[in-house]
Amino acid sequence: MKVALSIPDDLFESAETLGKRLGVSRSRLYATALADYVAKHQSRKVTARLDAVYATEESRLDTSLRRAQARSLPRDSW
């Protein structure tokens, strides 16, 4: 899909320089940058949802479960 957009001149020049250095087309550079940006914000959305879920959940282990886990670990001498 073709789109038209406006960006600051200095950002455009930096992108042109980077694209040449990486040996990728302008379209490829912009598509990759946009995909990275979208993925970053998607993961923030997931993190925010998980934070909301775990904010209402008890985070401490039950005492008997914690003891059972400790007993199941091998004894190590440091």
PDB file of N, CA and C in Angstrom:
ATOM      1  N   MET A   1       0.848  -1.165   0.000  1.00  0.00           N
ATOM      2  CA  MET A   1       0.000   0.000   0.000  1.00  0.00           C
ATOM      3  C   MET A   1       0.895   1.229   0.000  1.00  0.00           C
ATOM      4  N   LYS A   2       0.529   2.198  -0.767  1.00  0.00           N
ATOM      5  CA  LYS A   2       1.283   3.448  -0.807  1.00  0.00           C
ATOM      6  C   LYS A   2       0.615   4.455   0.114  1.00  0.00           C
ATOM      7  N   VAL A   3       1.446   5.226   0.823  1.00  0.00           N
ATOM      8  CA  VAL A   3       0.949   6.290   1.690  1.00  0.00           C
ATOM      9  C   VAL A   3       1.837   7.516   1.512  1.00  0.00           C
ATOM     10  N   ALA A   4       1.287   8.649   1.838  1.00  0.00           N
ATOM     11  CA  ALA A   4       2.070   9.887   1.845  1.00  0.00           C
ATOM     12  C   ALA A   4       2.055  10.419   3.273  1.00  0.00           C
ATOM     13  N   LEU A   5       3.202  10.870   3.740  1.00  0.00           N
ATOM     14  CA  LEU A   5       3.274  11.403   5.090  1.00  0.00           C
ATOM     15  C   LEU A   5       4.319  12.504   5.149  1.00  0.00           C
ATOM     16  N   SER A   6       4.251  13.283   6.185  1.00  0.00           N
ATOM     17  CA  SER A   6       5.204  14.375   6.376  1.00  0.00           C
ATOM     18  C   SER A   6       6.041  14.082   7.612  1.00  0.00           C
ATOM     19  N   ILE A   7       7.353  14.241   7.471  1.00  0.00           N
ATOM     20  CA  ILE A   7       8.264  14.076   8.601  1.00  0.00           C
ATOM     21  C   ILE A   7       9.274  15.228   8.559  1.00  0.00           C
ATOM     22  N   PRO A   8       9.887  15.538   9.684  1.00  0.00           N
ATOM     23  CA  PRO A   8      10.892  16.598   9.703  1.00  0.00           C
ATOM     24  C   PRO A   8      12.070  16.266   8.782  1.00  0.00           C
ATOM     25  N   ASP A   9      12.644  17.313   8.190  1.00  0.00           N
ATOM     26  CA  ASP A   9      13.752  17.128   7.252  1.00  0.00           C
ATOM     27  C   ASP A   9      14.923  16.363   7.859  1.00  0.00           C
ATOM     28  N   ASP A  10      15.277  16.688   9.108  1.00  0.00           N
ATOM     29  CA  ASP A  10      16.431  16.017   9.724  1.00  0.00           C
ATOM     30  C   ASP A  10      16.172  14.531   9.938  1.00  0.00           C
ATOM     31  N   LEU A  11      14.933  14.163  10.264  1.00  0.00           N
ATOM     32  CA  LEU A  11      14.592  12.745  10.419  1.00  0.00           C
ATOM     33  C   LEU A  11      14.666  12.034   9.074  1.00  0.00           C
ATOM     34  N   PHE A  12      14.178  12.698   8.024  1.00  0.00           N
ATOM     35  CA  PHE A  12      14.249  12.126   6.684  1.00  0.00           C
ATOM     36  C   PHE A  12      15.697  11.879   6.273  1.00  0.00           C
ATOM     37  N   GLU A  13      16.550  12.858   6.500  1.00  0.00           N
ATOM     38  CA  GLU A  13      17.965  12.715   6.132  1.00  0.00           C
ATOM     39  C   GLU A  13      18.630  11.587   6.919  1.00  0.00           C
ATOM     40  N   SER A  14      18.314  11.489   8.203  1.00  0.00           N
ATOM     41  CA  SER A  14      18.868  10.404   9.020  1.00  0.00           C
ATOM     42  C   SER A  14      18.412   9.044   8.505  1.00  0.00           C
ATOM     43  N   ALA A  15      17.148   8.966   8.124  1.00  0.00           N
ATOM     44  CA  ALA A  15      16.610   7.706   7.594  1.00  0.00           C
ATOM     45  C   ALA A  15      17.267   7.359   6.264  1.00  0.00           C
ATOM     46  N   GLU A  16      17.478   8.349   5.423  1.00  0.00           N
ATOM     47  CA  GLU A  16      18.146   8.111   4.146  1.00  0.00           C
ATOM     48  C   GLU A  16      19.558   7.577   4.364  1.00  0.00           C
ATOM     49  N   THR A  17      20.267   8.188   5.286  1.00  0.00           N
ATOM     50  CA  THR A  17      21.636   7.761   5.593  1.00  0.00           C
ATOM     51  C   THR A  17      21.648   6.330   6.122  1.00  0.00           C
ATOM     52  N   LEU A  18      20.736   6.044   7.038  1.00  0.00           N
ATOM     53  CA  LEU A  18      20.663   4.700   7.606  1.00  0.00           C
ATOM     54  C   LEU A  18      20.310   3.672   6.542  1.00  0.00           C
ATOM     55  N   GLY A  19      19.338   3.982   5.711  1.00  0.00           N
ATOM     56  CA  GLY A  19      18.941   3.059   4.648  1.00  0.00           C
ATOM     57  C   GLY A  19      20.100   2.727   3.724  1.00  0.00           C
ATOM     58  N   LYS A  20      20.886   3.740   3.363  1.00  0.00           N
ATOM     59  CA  LYS A  20      22.049   3.508   2.496  1.00  0.00           C
ATOM     60  C   LYS A  20      23.092   2.653   3.212  1.00  0.00           C
ATOM     61  N   ARG A  21      23.317   2.963   4.485  1.00  0.00           N
ATOM     62  CA  ARG A  21      24.308   2.196   5.252  1.00  0.00           C
ATOM     63  C   ARG A  21      23.891   0.734   5.383  1.00  0.00           C
ATOM     64  N   LEU A  22      22.602   0.503   5.573  1.00  0.00           N
ATOM     65  CA  LEU A  22      22.101  -0.871   5.729  1.00  0.00           C
ATOM     66  C   LEU A  22      21.864  -1.559   4.394  1.00  0.00           C
ATOM     67  N   GLY A  23      21.847  -0.784   3.325  1.00  0.00           N
ATOM     68  CA  GLY A  23      21.602  -1.372   2.010  1.00  0.00           C
ATOM     69  C   GLY A  23      20.168  -1.800   1.800  1.00  0.00           C
ATOM     70  N   VAL A  24      19.225  -1.048   2.376  1.00  0.00           N
ATOM     71  CA  VAL A  24      17.805  -1.373   2.208  1.00  0.00           C
ATOM     72  C   VAL A  24      17.094  -0.191   1.554  1.00  0.00           C
ATOM     73  N   SER A  25      16.022  -0.490   0.898  1.00  0.00           N
ATOM     74  CA  SER A  25      15.248   0.563   0.241  1.00  0.00           C
ATOM     75  C   SER A  25      14.546   1.422   1.295  1.00  0.00           C
ATOM     76  N   ARG A  26      14.141   2.603   0.854  1.00  0.00           N
ATOM     77  CA  ARG A  26      13.402   3.498   1.748  1.00  0.00           C
ATOM     78  C   ARG A  26      12.123   2.815   2.235  1.00  0.00           C
ATOM     79  N   SER A  27      11.424   2.163   1.326  1.00  0.00           N
ATOM     80  CA  SER A  27      10.177   1.480   1.705  1.00  0.00           C
ATOM     81  C   SER A  27      10.437   0.407   2.754  1.00  0.00           C
ATOM     82  N   ARG A  28      11.499  -0.371   2.542  1.00  0.00           N
ATOM     83  CA  ARG A  28      11.838  -1.444   3.487  1.00  0.00           C
ATOM     84  C   ARG A  28      12.207  -0.867   4.852  1.00  0.00           C
ATOM     85  N   LEU A  29      12.987   0.209   4.853  1.00  0.00           N
ATOM     86  CA  LEU A  29      13.393   0.842   6.108  1.00  0.00           C
ATOM     87  C   LEU A  29      12.180   1.348   6.887  1.00  0.00           C
ATOM     88  N   TYR A  30      11.298   2.054   6.210  1.00  0.00           N
ATOM     89  CA  TYR A  30      10.119   2.610   6.884  1.00  0.00           C
ATOM     90  C   TYR A  30       9.176   1.503   7.349  1.00  0.00           C
ATOM     91  N   ALA A  31       8.996   0.477   6.535  1.00  0.00           N
ATOM     92  CA  ALA A  31       8.118  -0.634   6.919  1.00  0.00           C
ATOM     93  C   ALA A  31       8.674  -1.360   8.144  1.00  0.00           C
ATOM     94  N   THR A  32       9.986  -1.575   8.161  1.00  0.00           N
ATOM     95  CA  THR A  32      10.614  -2.252   9.302  1.00  0.00           C
ATOM     96  C   THR A  32      10.505  -1.402  10.564  1.00  0.00           C
ATOM     97  N   ALA A  33      10.756  -0.107  10.430  1.00  0.00           N
ATOM     98  CA  ALA A  33      10.665   0.795  11.584  1.00  0.00           C
ATOM     99  C   ALA A  33       9.245   0.838  12.129  1.00  0.00           C
ATOM    100  N   LEU A  34       8.271   0.897  11.253  1.00  0.00           N
ATOM    101  CA  LEU A  34       6.876   0.936  11.691  1.00  0.00           C
ATOM    102  C   LEU A  34       6.467  -0.381  12.345  1.00  0.00           C
ATOM    103  N   ALA A  35       6.911  -1.493  11.794  1.00  0.00           N
ATOM    104  CA  ALA A  35       6.603  -2.806  12.383  1.00  0.00           C
ATOM    105  C   ALA A  35       7.200  -2.917  13.779  1.00  0.00           C
ATOM    106  N   ASP A  36       8.430  -2.447  13.964  1.00  0.00           N
ATOM    107  CA  ASP A  36       9.061  -2.461  15.287  1.00  0.00           C
ATOM    108  C   ASP A  36       8.294  -1.593  16.269  1.00  0.00           C
ATOM    109  N   TYR A  37       7.870  -0.428  15.824  1.00  0.00           N
ATOM    110  CA  TYR A  37       7.133   0.500  16.681  1.00  0.00           C
ATOM    111  C   TYR A  37       5.798  -0.111  17.126  1.00  0.00           C
ATOM    112  N   VAL A  38       5.092  -0.694  16.176  1.00  0.00           N
ATOM    113  CA  VAL A  38       3.802  -1.327  16.484  1.00  0.00           C
ATOM    114  C   VAL A  38       3.999  -2.489  17.459  1.00  0.00           C
ATOM    115  N   ALA A  39       4.994  -3.325  17.224  1.00  0.00           N
ATOM    116  CA  ALA A  39       5.262  -4.466  18.102  1.00  0.00           C
ATOM    117  C   ALA A  39       5.601  -4.000  19.518  1.00  0.00           C
ATOM    118  N   LYS A  40       6.380  -2.949  19.629  1.00  0.00           N
ATOM    119  CA  LYS A  40       6.751  -2.409  20.937  1.00  0.00           C
ATOM    120  C   LYS A  40       5.519  -1.969  21.713  1.00  0.00           C
ATOM    121  N   HIS A  41       4.611  -1.299  21.033  1.00  0.00           N
ATOM    122  CA  HIS A  41       3.416  -0.821  21.719  1.00  0.00           C
ATOM    123  C   HIS A  41       2.415  -1.930  21.989  1.00  0.00           C
ATOM    124  N   GLN A  42       2.417  -2.973  21.184  1.00  0.00           N
ATOM    125  CA  GLN A  42       1.564  -4.129  21.446  1.00  0.00           C
ATOM    126  C   GLN A  42       2.028  -4.830  22.715  1.00  0.00           C
ATOM    127  N   SER A  43       3.352  -4.969  22.868  1.00  0.00           N
ATOM    128  CA  SER A  43       3.862  -5.643  24.062  1.00  0.00           C
ATOM    129  C   SER A  43       3.577  -4.817  25.311  1.00  0.00           C
ATOM    130  N   ARG A  44       3.582  -3.501  25.191  1.00  0.00           N
ATOM    131  CA  ARG A  44       3.220  -2.653  26.337  1.00  0.00           C
ATOM    132  C   ARG A  44       1.769  -2.877  26.726  1.00  0.00           C
ATOM    133  N   LYS A  45       0.913  -3.083  25.728  1.00  0.00           N
ATOM    134  CA  LYS A  45      -0.503  -3.330  25.985  1.00  0.00           C
ATOM    135  C   LYS A  45      -0.669  -4.641  26.748  1.00  0.00           C
ATOM    136  N   VAL A  46       0.050  -5.666  26.324  1.00  0.00           N
ATOM    137  CA  VAL A  46      -0.001  -6.967  27.004  1.00  0.00           C
ATOM    138  C   VAL A  46       0.519  -6.821  28.428  1.00  0.00           C
ATOM    139  N   THR A  47       1.628  -6.112  28.588  1.00  0.00           N
ATOM    140  CA  THR A  47       2.201  -5.909  29.918  1.00  0.00           C
ATOM    141  C   THR A  47       1.211  -5.183  30.820  1.00  0.00           C
ATOM    142  N   ALA A  48       0.558  -4.161  30.301  1.00  0.00           N
ATOM    143  CA  ALA A  48      -0.420  -3.409  31.090  1.00  0.00           C
ATOM    144  C   ALA A  48      -1.580  -4.304  31.521  1.00  0.00           C
ATOM    145  N   ARG A  49      -2.026  -5.169  30.620  1.00  0.00           N
ATOM    146  CA  ARG A  49      -3.113  -6.089  30.969  1.00  0.00           C
ATOM    147  C   ARG A  49      -2.679  -7.082  32.041  1.00  0.00           C
ATOM    148  N   LEU A  50      -1.468  -7.623  31.893  1.00  0.00           N
ATOM    149  CA  LEU A  50      -0.968  -8.555  32.906  1.00  0.00           C
ATOM    150  C   LEU A  50      -0.780  -7.858  34.249  1.00  0.00           C
ATOM    151  N   ASP A  51      -0.270  -6.644  34.227  1.00  0.00           N
ATOM    152  CA  ASP A  51      -0.122  -5.881  35.466  1.00  0.00           C
ATOM    153  C   ASP A  51      -1.468  -5.686  36.152  1.00  0.00           C
ATOM    154  N   ALA A  52      -2.499  -5.404  35.359  1.00  0.00           N
ATOM    155  CA  ALA A  52      -3.834  -5.215  35.925  1.00  0.00           C
ATOM    156  C   ALA A  52      -4.353  -6.497  36.567  1.00  0.00           C
ATOM    157  N   VAL A  53      -4.117  -7.635  35.930  1.00  0.00           N
ATOM    158  CA  VAL A  53      -4.556  -8.917  36.482  1.00  0.00           C
ATOM    159  C   VAL A  53      -3.813  -9.221  37.772  1.00  0.00           C
ATOM    160  N   TYR A  54      -2.487  -9.098  37.734  1.00  0.00           N
ATOM    161  CA  TYR A  54      -1.691  -9.473  38.894  1.00  0.00           C
ATOM    162  C   TYR A  54      -1.777  -8.466  40.036  1.00  0.00           C
ATOM    163  N   ALA A  55      -2.279  -7.278  39.764  1.00  0.00           N
ATOM    164  CA  ALA A  55      -2.452  -6.288  40.831  1.00  0.00           C
ATOM    165  C   ALA A  55      -3.528  -6.728  41.815  1.00  0.00           C
ATOM    166  N   THR A  56      -4.451  -7.560  41.348  1.00  0.00           N
ATOM    167  CA  THR A  56      -5.549  -8.010  42.209  1.00  0.00           C
ATOM    168  C   THR A  56      -5.302  -9.396  42.788  1.00  0.00           C
ATOM    169  N   GLU A  57      -4.230 -10.036  42.386  1.00  0.00           N
ATOM    170  CA  GLU A  57      -3.925 -11.389  42.840  1.00  0.00           C
ATOM    171  C   GLU A  57      -2.898 -11.370  43.970  1.00  0.00           C
ATOM    172  N   GLU A  58      -3.033 -12.282  44.866  1.00  0.00           N
ATOM    173  CA  GLU A  58      -2.050 -12.455  45.940  1.00  0.00           C
ATOM    174  C   GLU A  58      -0.761 -12.975  45.333  1.00  0.00           C
ATOM    175  N   SER A  59       0.344 -12.356  45.687  1.00  0.00           N
ATOM    176  CA  SER A  59       1.609 -12.761  45.070  1.00  0.00           C
ATOM    177  C   SER A  59       2.462 -13.644  45.982  1.00  0.00           C
ATOM    178  N   ARG A  60       2.076 -13.778  47.235  1.00  0.00           N
ATOM    179  CA  ARG A  60       2.845 -14.625  48.143  1.00  0.00           C
ATOM    180  C   ARG A  60       2.392 -16.068  48.034  1.00  0.00           C
ATOM    181  N   LEU A  61       3.354 -16.969  48.158  1.00  0.00           N
ATOM    182  CA  LEU A  61       3.021 -18.393  48.165  1.00  0.00           C
ATOM    183  C   LEU A  61       2.450 -18.786  49.523  1.00  0.00           C
ATOM    184  N   ASP A  62       1.566 -19.741  49.484  1.00  0.00           N
ATOM    185  CA  ASP A  62       1.054 -20.318  50.712  1.00  0.00           C
ATOM    186  C   ASP A  62       2.233 -20.908  51.491  1.00  0.00           C
ATOM    187  N   THR A  63       2.236 -20.768  52.795  1.00  0.00           N
ATOM    188  CA  THR A  63       3.351 -21.216  53.626  1.00  0.00           C
ATOM    189  C   THR A  63       3.662 -22.692  53.427  1.00  0.00           C
ATOM    190  N   SER A  64       2.644 -23.544  53.384  1.00  0.00           N
ATOM    191  CA  SER A  64       2.895 -24.979  53.221  1.00  0.00           C
ATOM    192  C   SER A  64       3.473 -25.288  51.840  1.00  0.00           C
ATOM    193  N   LEU A  65       3.042 -24.585  50.821  1.00  0.00           N
ATOM    194  CA  LEU A  65       3.588 -24.784  49.485  1.00  0.00           C
ATOM    195  C   LEU A  65       5.047 -24.317  49.433  1.00  0.00           C
ATOM    196  N   ARG A  66       5.340 -23.190  50.054  1.00  0.00           N
ATOM    197  CA  ARG A  66       6.709 -22.686  50.082  1.00  0.00           C
ATOM    198  C   ARG A  66       7.633 -23.676  50.782  1.00  0.00           C
ATOM    199  N   ARG A  67       7.175 -24.258  51.885  1.00  0.00           N
ATOM    200  CA  ARG A  67       7.985 -25.255  52.606  1.00  0.00           C
ATOM    201  C   ARG A  67       8.205 -26.503  51.764  1.00  0.00           C
ATOM    202  N   ALA A  68       7.156 -26.951  51.070  1.00  0.00           N
ATOM    203  CA  ALA A  68       7.280 -28.144  50.218  1.00  0.00           C
ATOM    204  C   ALA A  68       8.273 -27.884  49.085  1.00  0.00           C
ATOM    205  N   GLN A  69       8.235 -26.707  48.516  1.00  0.00           N
ATOM    206  CA  GLN A  69       9.192 -26.371  47.462  1.00  0.00           C
ATOM    207  C   GLN A  69      10.615 -26.366  48.011  1.00  0.00           C
ATOM    208  N   ALA A  70      10.801 -25.789  49.177  1.00  0.00           N
ATOM    209  CA  ALA A  70      12.133 -25.735  49.787  1.00  0.00           C
ATOM    210  C   ALA A  70      12.661 -27.135  50.063  1.00  0.00           C
ATOM    211  N   ARG A  71      11.786 -28.053  50.519  1.00  0.00           N
ATOM    212  CA  ARG A  71      12.212 -29.431  50.801  1.00  0.00           C
ATOM    213  C   ARG A  71      12.566 -30.178  49.512  1.00  0.00           C
ATOM    214  N   SER A  72      11.977 -29.798  48.401  1.00  0.00           N
ATOM    215  CA  SER A  72      12.233 -30.513  47.154  1.00  0.00           C
ATOM    216  C   SER A  72      13.566 -30.118  46.500  1.00  0.00           C
ATOM    217  N   LEU A  73      14.158 -29.034  46.946  1.00  0.00           N
ATOM    218  CA  LEU A  73      15.435 -28.591  46.381  1.00  0.00           C
ATOM    219  C   LEU A  73      16.586 -29.388  46.987  1.00  0.00           C
ATOM    220  N   PRO A  74      17.556 -29.744  46.161  1.00  0.00           N
ATOM    221  CA  PRO A  74      18.709 -30.460  46.710  1.00  0.00           C
ATOM    222  C   PRO A  74      19.549 -29.532  47.597  1.00  0.00           C
ATOM    223  N   ARG A  75      20.179 -30.111  48.575  1.00  0.00           N
ATOM    224  CA  ARG A  75      21.052 -29.336  49.461  1.00  0.00           C
ATOM    225  C   ARG A  75      22.355 -29.055  48.720  1.00  0.00           C
ATOM    226  N   ASP A  76      22.754 -27.805  48.709  1.00  0.00           N
ATOM    227  CA  ASP A  76      23.980 -27.392  48.030  1.00  0.00           C
ATOM    228  C   ASP A  76      24.886 -26.690  49.022  1.00  0.00           C
ATOM    229  N   SER A  77      26.170 -26.982  48.929  1.00  0.00           N
ATOM    230  CA  SER A  77      27.114 -26.236  49.752  1.00  0.00           C
ATOM    231  C   SER A  77      27.773 -25.202  48.879  1.00  0.00           C
ATOM    232  N   TRP A  78      27.759 -23.993  49.313  1.00  0.00           N
ATOM    233  CA  TRP A  78      28.321 -22.909  48.536  1.00  0.00           C
ATOM    234  C   TRP A  78      29.723 -22.769  48.945  1.00  0.00           C
TER     235      TRP A  78
END
